Amino acid sequence: MAKKIDKKKESAEKYSKDEIAKICERAYFIWLNKSKPANSALSDWLQAETELKKERKIK
């Protein structure tokens, strides 16, 4: 039987609270700069995560 993976738990274990706050803030500003489009949360989050990794502000 395959093991069920809890994505929320996996994500929470991946980053510290400070790192999550940095990603969240960056994603928010990405969203604002795109004129607040609906349904862009995931792409904004992933873009923020990528940008911060490139800047080495998160693991």
PDB file of N, CA and C in Angstrom:
ATOM      1  N   MET A   1       0.835  -1.175   0.000  1.00  0.00           N
ATOM      2  CA  MET A   1       0.000   0.000   0.000  1.00  0.00           C
ATOM      3  C   MET A   1       0.884   1.244   0.000  1.00  0.00           C
ATOM      4  N   ALA A   2       0.576   2.194  -0.862  1.00  0.00           N
ATOM      5  CA  ALA A   2       1.372   3.416  -0.981  1.00  0.00           C
ATOM      6  C   ALA A   2       1.145   4.322   0.225  1.00  0.00           C
ATOM      7  N   LYS A   3       2.208   4.976   0.632  1.00  0.00           N
ATOM      8  CA  LYS A   3       2.130   5.904   1.754  1.00  0.00           C
ATOM      9  C   LYS A   3       1.576   7.243   1.282  1.00  0.00           C
ATOM     10  N   LYS A   4       0.587   7.769   1.991  1.00  0.00           N
ATOM     11  CA  LYS A   4      -0.001   9.061   1.656  1.00  0.00           C
ATOM     12  C   LYS A   4       0.924  10.166   2.147  1.00  0.00           C
ATOM     13  N   ILE A   5       1.191  11.125   1.269  1.00  0.00           N
ATOM     14  CA  ILE A   5       2.082  12.230   1.605  1.00  0.00           C
ATOM     15  C   ILE A   5       1.254  13.456   1.943  1.00  0.00           C
ATOM     16  N   ASP A   6       1.524  14.047   3.097  1.00  0.00           N
ATOM     17  CA  ASP A   6       0.838  15.260   3.530  1.00  0.00           C
ATOM     18  C   ASP A   6       1.655  16.456   3.039  1.00  0.00           C
ATOM     19  N   LYS A   7       1.192  17.110   1.962  1.00  0.00           N
ATOM     20  CA  LYS A   7       1.930  18.206   1.342  1.00  0.00           C
ATOM     21  C   LYS A   7       2.108  19.400   2.279  1.00  0.00           C
ATOM     22  N   LYS A   8       1.086  19.707   3.090  1.00  0.00           N
ATOM     23  CA  LYS A   8       1.202  20.838   4.010  1.00  0.00           C
ATOM     24  C   LYS A   8       2.297  20.582   5.035  1.00  0.00           C
ATOM     25  N   LYS A   9       2.322  19.389   5.588  1.00  0.00           N
ATOM     26  CA  LYS A   9       3.343  19.057   6.579  1.00  0.00           C
ATOM     27  C   LYS A   9       4.722  19.076   5.937  1.00  0.00           C
ATOM     28  N   GLU A  10       4.814  18.531   4.723  1.00  0.00           N
ATOM     29  CA  GLU A  10       6.080  18.500   4.011  1.00  0.00           C
ATOM     30  C   GLU A  10       6.594  19.915   3.764  1.00  0.00           C
ATOM     31  N   SER A  11       5.727  20.828   3.351  1.00  0.00           N
ATOM     32  CA  SER A  11       6.101  22.212   3.099  1.00  0.00           C
ATOM     33  C   SER A  11       6.521  22.914   4.386  1.00  0.00           C
ATOM     34  N   ALA A  12       5.792  22.676   5.451  1.00  0.00           N
ATOM     35  CA  ALA A  12       6.103  23.312   6.735  1.00  0.00           C
ATOM     36  C   ALA A  12       7.458  22.866   7.257  1.00  0.00           C
ATOM     37  N   GLU A  13       7.828  21.636   6.971  1.00  0.00           N
ATOM     38  CA  GLU A  13       9.118  21.135   7.433  1.00  0.00           C
ATOM     39  C   GLU A  13      10.267  21.627   6.561  1.00  0.00           C
ATOM     40  N   LYS A  14       9.954  22.080   5.361  1.00  0.00           N
ATOM     41  CA  LYS A  14      10.981  22.497   4.410  1.00  0.00           C
ATOM     42  C   LYS A  14      11.597  23.842   4.775  1.00  0.00           C
ATOM     43  N   TYR A  15      10.797  24.763   5.302  1.00  0.00           N
ATOM     44  CA  TYR A  15      11.251  26.112   5.600  1.00  0.00           C
ATOM     45  C   TYR A  15      10.999  26.488   7.056  1.00  0.00           C
ATOM     46  N   SER A  16      11.840  27.377   7.547  1.00  0.00           N
ATOM     47  CA  SER A  16      11.616  27.931   8.889  1.00  0.00           C
ATOM     48  C   SER A  16      10.483  28.949   8.817  1.00  0.00           C
ATOM     49  N   LYS A  17       9.997  29.369   9.967  1.00  0.00           N
ATOM     50  CA  LYS A  17       8.936  30.387  10.002  1.00  0.00           C
ATOM     51  C   LYS A  17       9.406  31.688   9.363  1.00  0.00           C
ATOM     52  N   ASP A  18      10.662  32.059   9.582  1.00  0.00           N
ATOM     53  CA  ASP A  18      11.203  33.287   8.987  1.00  0.00           C
ATOM     54  C   ASP A  18      11.265  33.184   7.468  1.00  0.00           C
ATOM     55  N   GLU A  19      11.649  32.019   6.969  1.00  0.00           N
ATOM     56  CA  GLU A  19      11.718  31.823   5.525  1.00  0.00           C
ATOM     57  C   GLU A  19      10.324  31.870   4.894  1.00  0.00           C
ATOM     58  N   ILE A  20       9.358  31.267   5.562  1.00  0.00           N
ATOM     59  CA  ILE A  20       7.976  31.302   5.066  1.00  0.00           C
ATOM     60  C   ILE A  20       7.479  32.745   5.028  1.00  0.00           C
ATOM     61  N   ALA A  21       7.809  33.526   6.037  1.00  0.00           N
ATOM     62  CA  ALA A  21       7.401  34.934   6.066  1.00  0.00           C
ATOM     63  C   ALA A  21       8.024  35.710   4.910  1.00  0.00           C
ATOM     64  N   LYS A  22       9.290  35.431   4.592  1.00  0.00           N
ATOM     65  CA  LYS A  22       9.963  36.105   3.483  1.00  0.00           C
ATOM     66  C   LYS A  22       9.305  35.751   2.154  1.00  0.00           C
ATOM     67  N   ILE A  23       9.007  34.478   1.967  1.00  0.00           N
ATOM     68  CA  ILE A  23       8.354  34.044   0.724  1.00  0.00           C
ATOM     69  C   ILE A  23       6.981  34.678   0.611  1.00  0.00           C
ATOM     70  N   CYS A  24       6.242  34.668   1.694  1.00  0.00           N
ATOM     71  CA  CYS A  24       4.897  35.238   1.707  1.00  0.00           C
ATOM     72  C   CYS A  24       4.923  36.720   1.354  1.00  0.00           C
ATOM     73  N   GLU A  25       5.819  37.452   1.949  1.00  0.00           N
ATOM     74  CA  GLU A  25       5.916  38.882   1.671  1.00  0.00           C
ATOM     75  C   GLU A  25       6.301  39.127   0.214  1.00  0.00           C
ATOM     76  N   ARG A  26       7.275  38.384  -0.284  1.00  0.00           N
ATOM     77  CA  ARG A  26       7.686  38.548  -1.684  1.00  0.00           C
ATOM     78  C   ARG A  26       6.544  38.199  -2.624  1.00  0.00           C
ATOM     79  N   ALA A  27       5.827  37.115  -2.344  1.00  0.00           N
ATOM     80  CA  ALA A  27       4.696  36.716  -3.185  1.00  0.00           C
ATOM     81  C   ALA A  27       3.616  37.795  -3.189  1.00  0.00           C
ATOM     82  N   TYR A  28       3.398  38.414  -2.044  1.00  0.00           N
ATOM     83  CA  TYR A  28       2.410  39.491  -1.945  1.00  0.00           C
ATOM     84  C   TYR A  28       2.782  40.659  -2.860  1.00  0.00           C
ATOM     85  N   PHE A  29       4.049  41.055  -2.855  1.00  0.00           N
ATOM     86  CA  PHE A  29       4.466  42.170  -3.694  1.00  0.00           C
ATOM     87  C   PHE A  29       4.462  41.797  -5.177  1.00  0.00           C
ATOM     88  N   ILE A  30       4.758  40.560  -5.496  1.00  0.00           N
ATOM     89  CA  ILE A  30       4.639  40.088  -6.876  1.00  0.00           C
ATOM     90  C   ILE A  30       3.189  40.224  -7.323  1.00  0.00           C
ATOM     91  N   TRP A  31       2.271  39.778  -6.474  1.00  0.00           N
ATOM     92  CA  TRP A  31       0.840  39.859  -6.762  1.00  0.00           C
ATOM     93  C   TRP A  31       0.405  41.315  -6.965  1.00  0.00           C
ATOM     94  N   LEU A  32       0.857  42.207  -6.092  1.00  0.00           N
ATOM     95  CA  LEU A  32       0.515  43.630  -6.230  1.00  0.00           C
ATOM     96  C   LEU A  32       1.025  44.205  -7.543  1.00  0.00           C
ATOM     97  N   ASN A  33       2.262  43.862  -7.890  1.00  0.00           N
ATOM     98  CA  ASN A  33       2.857  44.391  -9.118  1.00  0.00           C
ATOM     99  C   ASN A  33       2.179  43.857 -10.369  1.00  0.00           C
ATOM    100  N   LYS A  34       1.481  42.747 -10.256  1.00  0.00           N
ATOM    101  CA  LYS A  34       0.741  42.188 -11.386  1.00  0.00           C
ATOM    102  C   LYS A  34      -0.712  42.672 -11.383  1.00  0.00           C
ATOM    103  N   SER A  35      -1.014  43.687 -10.616  1.00  0.00           N
ATOM    104  CA  SER A  35      -2.362  44.268 -10.516  1.00  0.00           C
ATOM    105  C   SER A  35      -3.379  43.324  -9.886  1.00  0.00           C
ATOM    106  N   LYS A  36      -2.932  42.541  -8.932  1.00  0.00           N
ATOM    107  CA  LYS A  36      -3.798  41.701  -8.095  1.00  0.00           C
ATOM    108  C   LYS A  36      -4.682  40.720  -8.877  1.00  0.00           C
ATOM    109  N   PRO A  37      -4.105  39.917  -9.757  1.00  0.00           N
ATOM    110  CA  PRO A  37      -4.938  38.971 -10.504  1.00  0.00           C
ATOM    111  C   PRO A  37      -5.502  37.871  -9.602  1.00  0.00           C
ATOM    112  N   ALA A  38      -6.667  37.400  -9.964  1.00  0.00           N
ATOM    113  CA  ALA A  38      -7.277  36.291  -9.216  1.00  0.00           C
ATOM    114  C   ALA A  38      -6.564  34.986  -9.573  1.00  0.00           C
ATOM    115  N   ASN A  39      -6.554  34.075  -8.633  1.00  0.00           N
ATOM    116  CA  ASN A  39      -6.031  32.716  -8.848  1.00  0.00           C
ATOM    117  C   ASN A  39      -4.555  32.667  -9.242  1.00  0.00           C
ATOM    118  N   SER A  40      -3.750  33.563  -8.727  1.00  0.00           N
ATOM    119  CA  SER A  40      -2.317  33.530  -9.043  1.00  0.00           C
ATOM    120  C   SER A  40      -1.455  33.196  -7.831  1.00  0.00           C
ATOM    121  N   ALA A  41      -2.072  32.784  -6.747  1.00  0.00           N
ATOM    122  CA  ALA A  41      -1.328  32.554  -5.496  1.00  0.00           C
ATOM    123  C   ALA A  41      -0.193  31.546  -5.661  1.00  0.00           C
ATOM    124  N   LEU A  42      -0.469  30.424  -6.303  1.00  0.00           N
ATOM    125  CA  LEU A  42       0.568  29.400  -6.446  1.00  0.00           C
ATOM    126  C   LEU A  42       1.722  29.901  -7.304  1.00  0.00           C
ATOM    127  N   SER A  43       1.424  30.493  -8.435  1.00  0.00           N
ATOM    128  CA  SER A  43       2.509  30.972  -9.302  1.00  0.00           C
ATOM    129  C   SER A  43       3.287  32.103  -8.634  1.00  0.00           C
ATOM    130  N   ASP A  44       2.600  32.965  -7.891  1.00  0.00           N
ATOM    131  CA  ASP A  44       3.280  34.042  -7.163  1.00  0.00           C
ATOM    132  C   ASP A  44       4.197  33.471  -6.088  1.00  0.00           C
ATOM    133  N   TRP A  45       3.703  32.460  -5.372  1.00  0.00           N
ATOM    134  CA  TRP A  45       4.499  31.810  -4.329  1.00  0.00           C
ATOM    135  C   TRP A  45       5.750  31.168  -4.930  1.00  0.00           C
ATOM    136  N   LEU A  46       5.571  30.442  -6.021  1.00  0.00           N
ATOM    137  CA  LEU A  46       6.698  29.752  -6.658  1.00  0.00           C
ATOM    138  C   LEU A  46       7.714  30.743  -7.207  1.00  0.00           C
ATOM    139  N   GLN A  47       7.236  31.847  -7.758  1.00  0.00           N
ATOM    140  CA  GLN A  47       8.144  32.885  -8.245  1.00  0.00           C
ATOM    141  C   GLN A  47       8.925  33.494  -7.086  1.00  0.00           C
ATOM    142  N   ALA A  48       8.244  33.786  -5.999  1.00  0.00           N
ATOM    143  CA  ALA A  48       8.903  34.354  -4.817  1.00  0.00           C
ATOM    144  C   ALA A  48       9.948  33.385  -4.261  1.00  0.00           C
ATOM    145  N   GLU A  49       9.568  32.130  -4.187  1.00  0.00           N
ATOM    146  CA  GLU A  49      10.486  31.103  -3.691  1.00  0.00           C
ATOM    147  C   GLU A  49      11.742  31.037  -4.563  1.00  0.00           C
ATOM    148  N   THR A  50      11.557  31.049  -5.872  1.00  0.00           N
ATOM    149  CA  THR A  50      12.683  30.988  -6.814  1.00  0.00           C
ATOM    150  C   THR A  50      13.580  32.217  -6.683  1.00  0.00           C
ATOM    151  N   GLU A  51      12.972  33.386  -6.623  1.00  0.00           N
ATOM    152  CA  GLU A  51      13.751  34.621  -6.489  1.00  0.00           C
ATOM    153  C   GLU A  51      14.576  34.626  -5.218  1.00  0.00           C
ATOM    154  N   LEU A  52      13.975  34.231  -4.111  1.00  0.00           N
ATOM    155  CA  LEU A  52      14.695  34.240  -2.838  1.00  0.00           C
ATOM    156  C   LEU A  52      15.797  33.186  -2.805  1.00  0.00           C
ATOM    157  N   LYS A  53      15.558  32.063  -3.439  1.00  0.00           N
ATOM    158  CA  LYS A  53      16.626  31.055  -3.523  1.00  0.00           C
ATOM    159  C   LYS A  53      17.806  31.598  -4.305  1.00  0.00           C
ATOM    160  N   LYS A  54      17.520  32.301  -5.400  1.00  0.00           N
ATOM    161  CA  LYS A  54      18.592  32.891  -6.205  1.00  0.00           C
ATOM    162  C   LYS A  54      19.365  33.924  -5.404  1.00  0.00           C
ATOM    163  N   GLU A  55      18.676  34.649  -4.569  1.00  0.00           N
ATOM    164  CA  GLU A  55      19.332  35.650  -3.711  1.00  0.00           C
ATOM    165  C   GLU A  55      19.955  35.006  -2.481  1.00  0.00           C
ATOM    166  N   ARG A  56      19.730  33.709  -2.311  1.00  0.00           N
ATOM    167  CA  ARG A  56      20.253  32.923  -1.190  1.00  0.00           C
ATOM    168  C   ARG A  56      19.789  33.422   0.169  1.00  0.00           C
ATOM    169  N   LYS A  57      18.544  33.910   0.203  1.00  0.00           N
ATOM    170  CA  LYS A  57      17.982  34.336   1.472  1.00  0.00           C
ATOM    171  C   LYS A  57      17.236  33.201   2.145  1.00  0.00           C
ATOM    172  N   ILE A  58      17.042  32.105   1.403  1.00  0.00           N
ATOM    173  CA  ILE A  58      16.446  30.912   1.976  1.00  0.00           C
ATOM    174  C   ILE A  58      17.224  29.712   1.466  1.00  0.00           C
ATOM    175  N   LYS A  59      17.042  28.572   2.125  1.00  0.00           N
ATOM    176  CA  LYS A  59      17.759  27.342   1.761  1.00  0.00           C
ATOM    177  C   LYS A  59      17.317  26.814   0.423  1.00  0.00           C
TER     178      LYS A  59
END
